[in-house]
C-alpha cells in the first residue's frame, strides 16, 4: 500500500471517529438533525433443540427526528426482532437502545412499560385489537392504562374527544362503535394506528403494517403513514419485506445476516 493511500485512509478513519465523537456529545448528525432513536450493537440469539441461532449480530442504527425509515429484509431475517428490541418489548443479549438521548433498554420494567405507553406507538401486522371492545374503546385503552382511575374519570370527556378525532383522522369517524369482528382488515389496521397515536408518541414503530392486507388496502395504509409523517412530523420506523412499500420512506436500510446495510 502506498504512503498516499495509507494517509488518505488514516484521515478518513480519523474523520469518522471525530464525527462519531461529535454525535455522542451533541446527539446530532453532521447535518445538524437530532437523533431520536438509536440501536448500538444489538445482538440477539434464540435457542432451538439446544442449538444457538443468531438473529441479530451487532445492529447499529440511527433514526433522525421526523424521519420515515424503512428496514427491509427477507422473512426470518430478524426485522420483527429488531423492532421489538427498539420498543423494549424484548431484551437484547448485548447492545443498547437510546431514545431522545436516554438509554431505555436497561430501565426498570415499570419505567419501560410507562415509557412505551407514552412515547413508543406500535403497529402490528395482525392488529392485536381487543375483540370485546369497540374501535373507540380500543383507542382509549392505552390512555386508560396510562392514567390512574381518578385522573381518567376527571379527563374522560377530553380523552374520548381525542380518540374520536383520531378515528376520524384515519377515516373511521362513522365506525367508532363497531367491534373488531365487524370491521374489515384495513379498518382494523386503521383502528390499531389510531390506538398507537392516542398517547401522542414520539416514535411510531410499524411491524409489516400491510402484510395482512390486500394490495389496494395496503396502499391506503401506506398513504396514511406518509401523511402522518409529512403533516405531523411523526418519526416512523417500519419493517417490511415489500420493497415497493419501503421505497416510499425517506430512507431504506437492509437487514442482512443480522447486520444493517444501506439499501
Protein backbone atom coordinates (compact mmCIF):
# COMPACT_ATOMS: atom_id res chain seq x y z
CA UNK A 1 0.00 0.00 0.00
CA UNK A 2 1.38 3.42 -0.99
CA UNK A 3 2.03 6.10 1.59
CA UNK A 4 -0.59 8.34 -0.09
CA UNK A 5 -3.32 5.70 0.15
CA UNK A 6 -2.36 4.91 3.74
CA UNK A 7 -2.53 8.60 4.61
CA UNK A 8 -5.92 9.01 2.92
CA UNK A 9 -7.39 6.04 4.79
CA UNK A 10 -5.97 7.27 8.07
CA UNK A 11 -7.51 10.69 7.53
CA UNK A 12 -10.89 9.16 6.65
CA UNK A 13 -10.82 6.96 9.73
CA UNK A 14 -9.89 9.94 11.88
CA UNK A 15 -12.75 11.96 10.39
CA UNK A 16 -15.20 9.13 11.08
CA UNK A 17 -14.06 8.88 14.69
CA UNK A 18 -14.37 12.65 15.15
CA UNK A 19 -17.87 12.62 13.64
CA UNK A 20 -18.92 9.78 15.94
CA UNK A 21 -17.48 11.61 18.95
CA UNK A 22 -19.30 14.78 17.96
CA UNK A 23 -22.56 12.87 17.68
CA UNK A 24 -22.06 11.29 21.10
CA UNK A 25 -21.59 14.76 22.60
CA UNK A 26 -24.36 16.62 20.75
CA UNK A 27 -26.90 13.94 19.84
CA UNK A 28 -26.96 15.28 16.27
CA UNK A 29 -25.73 14.06 12.91
CA UNK A 30 -23.32 16.01 10.71
CA UNK A 31 -26.36 17.60 9.02
CA UNK A 32 -27.45 19.00 12.37
CA UNK A 33 -30.60 16.89 12.70
CA UNK A 34 -31.33 15.38 16.10
CA UNK A 35 -31.08 11.65 16.58
CA UNK A 36 -34.33 10.44 18.16
CA UNK A 37 -33.88 6.67 18.29
CA UNK A 38 -30.69 4.62 18.18
CA UNK A 39 -29.60 0.99 18.36
CA UNK A 40 -26.00 0.39 19.40
CA UNK A 41 -24.51 -3.03 18.77
CA UNK A 42 -27.70 -5.01 19.32
CA UNK A 43 -27.25 -8.78 19.43
CA UNK A 44 -29.93 -11.40 19.85
CA UNK A 45 -29.93 -15.19 19.57
CA UNK A 46 -32.56 -17.85 20.10
CA UNK A 47 -32.08 -21.46 21.12
CA UNK A 48 -33.81 -24.38 19.42
CA UNK A 49 -33.18 -28.01 20.33
CA UNK A 50 -30.09 -26.94 22.23
CA UNK A 51 -28.61 -25.03 19.28
CA UNK A 52 -27.97 -21.31 19.28
CA UNK A 53 -29.47 -19.44 16.33
CA UNK A 54 -28.02 -15.93 15.97
CA UNK A 55 -30.58 -13.45 14.66
CA UNK A 56 -29.02 -10.02 15.21
CA UNK A 57 -25.22 -9.81 15.12
CA UNK A 58 -24.44 -6.27 16.25
CA UNK A 59 -27.05 -3.97 14.72
CA UNK A 60 -26.21 -0.26 14.67
CA UNK A 61 -29.00 2.05 13.56
CA UNK A 62 -29.86 5.73 14.00
CA UNK A 63 -33.21 7.35 13.27
CA UNK A 64 -33.48 11.11 12.93
CA UNK A 65 -36.36 13.12 14.33
CA UNK A 66 -39.16 13.35 11.76
CA UNK A 67 -37.66 10.64 9.57
CA UNK A 68 -39.60 7.82 7.91
CA UNK A 69 -37.19 4.88 7.91
CA UNK A 70 -37.87 1.50 6.32
CA UNK A 71 -35.95 -1.63 7.32
CA UNK A 72 -36.25 -4.28 4.65
CA UNK A 73 -35.25 -7.93 4.76
CA UNK A 74 -36.36 -11.41 3.89
CA UNK A 75 -38.80 -13.32 6.06
CA UNK A 76 -36.94 -14.59 9.12
CA UNK A 77 -34.14 -12.03 8.81
CA UNK A 78 -34.83 -10.59 12.27
CA UNK A 79 -36.81 -7.49 11.31
CA UNK A 80 -39.54 -8.04 13.88
CA UNK A 81 -36.94 -8.98 16.49
CA UNK A 82 -35.17 -5.67 15.88
CA UNK A 83 -38.42 -3.71 16.19
CA UNK A 84 -39.32 -5.50 19.43
CA UNK A 85 -35.91 -4.64 20.88
CA UNK A 86 -36.31 -0.98 19.86
CA UNK A 87 -39.70 -0.98 21.59
CA UNK A 88 -38.23 -2.70 24.69
CA UNK A 89 -40.78 -5.48 24.28
CA UNK A 90 -37.86 -7.90 24.40
CA UNK A 91 -34.33 -7.69 25.76
CA UNK A 92 -31.13 -7.95 23.73
CA UNK A 93 -28.27 -10.29 24.61
CA UNK A 94 -25.94 -7.32 24.14
CA UNK A 95 -26.14 -3.73 22.98
CA UNK A 96 -28.14 -0.63 23.88
CA UNK A 97 -31.28 1.25 22.81
CA UNK A 98 -31.43 5.04 23.19
CA UNK A 99 -34.45 7.35 22.85
CA UNK A 100 -34.17 11.14 22.95
CA UNK A 101 -30.69 10.97 24.44
CA UNK A 102 -31.57 8.47 27.18
CA UNK A 103 -30.76 4.78 27.32
CA UNK A 104 -34.05 2.91 27.71
CA UNK A 105 -33.36 -0.82 27.40
CA UNK A 106 -31.86 -1.05 30.90
CA UNK A 107 -34.63 0.82 32.72
CA UNK A 108 -36.64 -1.00 35.41
CA UNK A 109 -39.62 -2.83 33.94
CA UNK A 110 -42.21 -0.39 35.29
CA UNK A 111 -40.39 2.58 33.77
CA UNK A 112 -40.02 0.77 30.45
CA UNK A 113 -43.74 0.00 30.44
CA UNK A 114 -44.61 3.63 31.19
CA UNK A 115 -42.20 4.95 28.55
CA UNK A 116 -43.54 2.53 25.94
CA UNK A 117 -47.09 3.57 26.75
CA UNK A 118 -46.36 7.26 26.31
CA UNK A 119 -43.52 7.57 23.77
CA UNK A 120 -43.47 4.48 21.53
CA UNK A 121 -46.50 3.71 19.39
CA UNK A 122 -46.58 0.16 18.00
CA UNK A 123 -48.47 -1.21 14.98
CA UNK A 124 -48.57 -4.96 14.44
CA UNK A 125 -49.26 -6.98 11.31
CA UNK A 126 -52.19 -8.77 12.96
CA UNK A 127 -53.67 -5.66 14.68
CA UNK A 128 -53.92 -7.14 18.22
CA UNK A 129 -57.19 -5.36 18.93
CA UNK A 130 -59.17 -6.45 22.00
CA UNK A 131 -62.15 -8.29 20.46
CA UNK A 132 -64.65 -7.38 23.19
CA UNK A 133 -64.01 -3.62 22.87
CA UNK A 134 -65.34 -1.23 20.23
CA UNK A 135 -63.00 0.69 17.95
CA UNK A 136 -63.30 3.71 20.26
CA UNK A 137 -62.61 1.64 23.38
CA UNK A 138 -59.55 0.05 21.75
CA UNK A 139 -58.17 3.51 21.01
CA UNK A 140 -58.88 4.60 24.59
CA UNK A 141 -57.20 1.51 26.13
CA UNK A 142 -53.62 2.90 26.32
CA UNK A 143 -54.95 6.12 27.88
CA UNK A 144 -56.86 4.15 30.48
CA UNK A 145 -53.65 2.28 31.32
CA UNK A 146 -51.57 5.46 31.48
CA UNK A 147 -53.85 7.30 33.92
CA UNK A 148 -54.99 6.35 37.38
CA UNK A 149 -58.72 5.82 37.98
CA UNK A 150 -59.47 9.30 39.31
CA UNK A 151 -57.40 11.05 36.66
CA UNK A 152 -59.12 9.01 33.98
CA UNK A 153 -62.58 9.89 35.29
CA UNK A 154 -61.64 13.58 35.58
CA UNK A 155 -60.41 13.80 31.99
CA UNK A 156 -62.58 11.15 30.38
CA UNK A 157 -64.50 13.62 28.19
CA UNK A 158 -61.34 15.08 26.64
CA UNK A 159 -59.84 11.60 26.12
CA UNK A 160 -62.97 10.43 24.32
CA UNK A 161 -62.98 13.55 22.14
CA UNK A 162 -59.33 12.97 21.26
CA UNK A 163 -59.97 9.30 20.43
CA UNK A 164 -62.93 10.24 18.22
CA UNK A 165 -60.75 12.81 16.45
CA UNK A 166 -58.05 10.18 15.80
CA UNK A 167 -60.59 7.74 14.39
CA UNK A 168 -61.85 10.48 12.08
CA UNK A 169 -58.27 11.24 11.09
CA UNK A 170 -57.72 7.64 9.98
CA UNK A 171 -61.06 7.52 8.15
CA UNK A 172 -63.19 5.72 10.75
CA UNK A 173 -65.34 8.56 12.03
CA UNK A 174 -68.53 6.55 11.40
CA UNK A 175 -67.21 3.20 12.67
CA UNK A 176 -66.20 4.03 16.22
CA UNK A 177 -68.94 1.94 17.84
CA UNK A 178 -68.12 -1.24 15.90
CA UNK A 179 -66.36 -4.29 17.34
CA UNK A 180 -63.25 -5.62 15.56
CA UNK A 181 -65.21 -8.55 14.07
CA UNK A 182 -67.47 -6.00 12.38
CA UNK A 183 -64.54 -4.24 10.69
CA UNK A 184 -62.56 -5.10 7.57
CA UNK A 185 -58.84 -5.82 7.75
CA UNK A 186 -58.00 -2.29 6.63
CA UNK A 187 -60.39 -0.80 9.17
CA UNK A 188 -58.85 -2.89 11.95
CA UNK A 189 -55.38 -1.68 10.96
CA UNK A 190 -56.60 1.92 10.92
CA UNK A 191 -58.03 1.39 14.40
CA UNK A 192 -54.67 -0.01 15.51
CA UNK A 193 -52.91 3.07 14.10
CA UNK A 194 -55.30 5.39 15.95
CA UNK A 195 -54.67 3.40 19.15
CA UNK A 196 -50.90 3.75 18.68
CA UNK A 197 -51.29 7.52 18.21
CA UNK A 198 -53.59 8.09 21.19
CA UNK A 199 -50.87 8.81 23.81
CA UNK A 200 -49.02 11.17 21.42
CA UNK A 201 -45.90 9.03 20.86
CA UNK A 202 -42.52 10.38 19.82
CA UNK A 203 -41.88 7.40 17.51
CA UNK A 204 -44.22 5.06 15.65
CA UNK A 205 -42.89 1.52 15.14
CA UNK A 206 -44.69 -0.43 12.40
CA UNK A 207 -44.20 -4.19 12.02
CA UNK A 208 -45.26 -5.25 8.49
CA UNK A 209 -48.28 -2.91 8.68
CA UNK A 210 -49.61 -4.01 5.26
CA UNK A 211 -48.56 -7.66 5.43
CA UNK A 212 -52.07 -8.93 6.22
CA UNK A 213 -53.90 -6.71 3.74
CA UNK A 214 -54.74 -6.81 0.03
CA UNK A 215 -52.80 -4.56 -2.32
CA UNK A 216 -55.38 -1.76 -2.50
CA UNK A 217 -55.94 -1.61 1.26
CA UNK A 218 -52.21 -1.83 1.89
CA UNK A 219 -51.68 1.19 -0.37
CA UNK A 220 -54.23 3.13 1.68
CA UNK A 221 -52.40 2.30 4.91
CA UNK A 222 -49.08 3.40 3.39
CA UNK A 223 -50.69 6.67 2.29
CA UNK A 224 -51.93 7.20 5.85
CA UNK A 225 -48.46 6.58 7.30
CA UNK A 226 -46.88 9.00 4.83
CA UNK A 227 -49.48 11.61 5.75
CA UNK A 228 -48.77 11.21 9.46
CA UNK A 229 -45.08 11.67 8.77
CA UNK A 230 -45.41 14.64 6.40
CA UNK A 231 -48.17 16.59 8.07
CA UNK A 232 -47.38 15.90 11.72
CA UNK A 233 -43.62 15.26 11.60
CA UNK A 234 -44.08 11.86 13.25
CA UNK A 235 -40.94 9.72 13.30
CA UNK A 236 -41.72 6.30 11.82
CA UNK A 237 -39.68 3.10 11.71
CA UNK A 238 -41.28 0.45 9.52
CA UNK A 239 -40.03 -3.08 8.91
CA UNK A 240 -41.23 -4.81 5.77
CA UNK A 241 -40.29 -7.38 3.15
CA UNK A 242 -42.06 -5.31 0.46
CA UNK A 243 -39.55 -3.18 -1.45
CA UNK A 244 -42.30 -1.07 -3.07
CA UNK A 245 -43.58 -0.06 0.36
CA UNK A 246 -40.08 0.52 1.69
CA UNK A 247 -39.23 2.88 -1.17
CA UNK A 248 -41.99 5.25 -0.03
CA UNK A 249 -39.94 6.04 3.09
CA UNK A 250 -37.25 8.73 3.33
CA UNK A 251 -34.52 6.15 3.77
CA UNK A 252 -34.23 2.40 3.31
CA UNK A 253 -31.77 0.08 5.03
CA UNK A 254 -31.47 -3.68 4.62
CA UNK A 255 -31.09 -6.29 7.34
CA UNK A 256 -28.69 -8.95 6.03
CA UNK A 257 -27.26 -11.78 8.11
CA UNK A 258 -28.09 -9.95 11.30
CA UNK A 259 -26.49 -6.62 10.35
CA UNK A 260 -27.73 -3.37 8.85
CA UNK A 261 -26.58 -2.44 5.34
CA UNK A 262 -27.53 0.53 3.18
CA UNK A 263 -30.11 -0.49 0.59
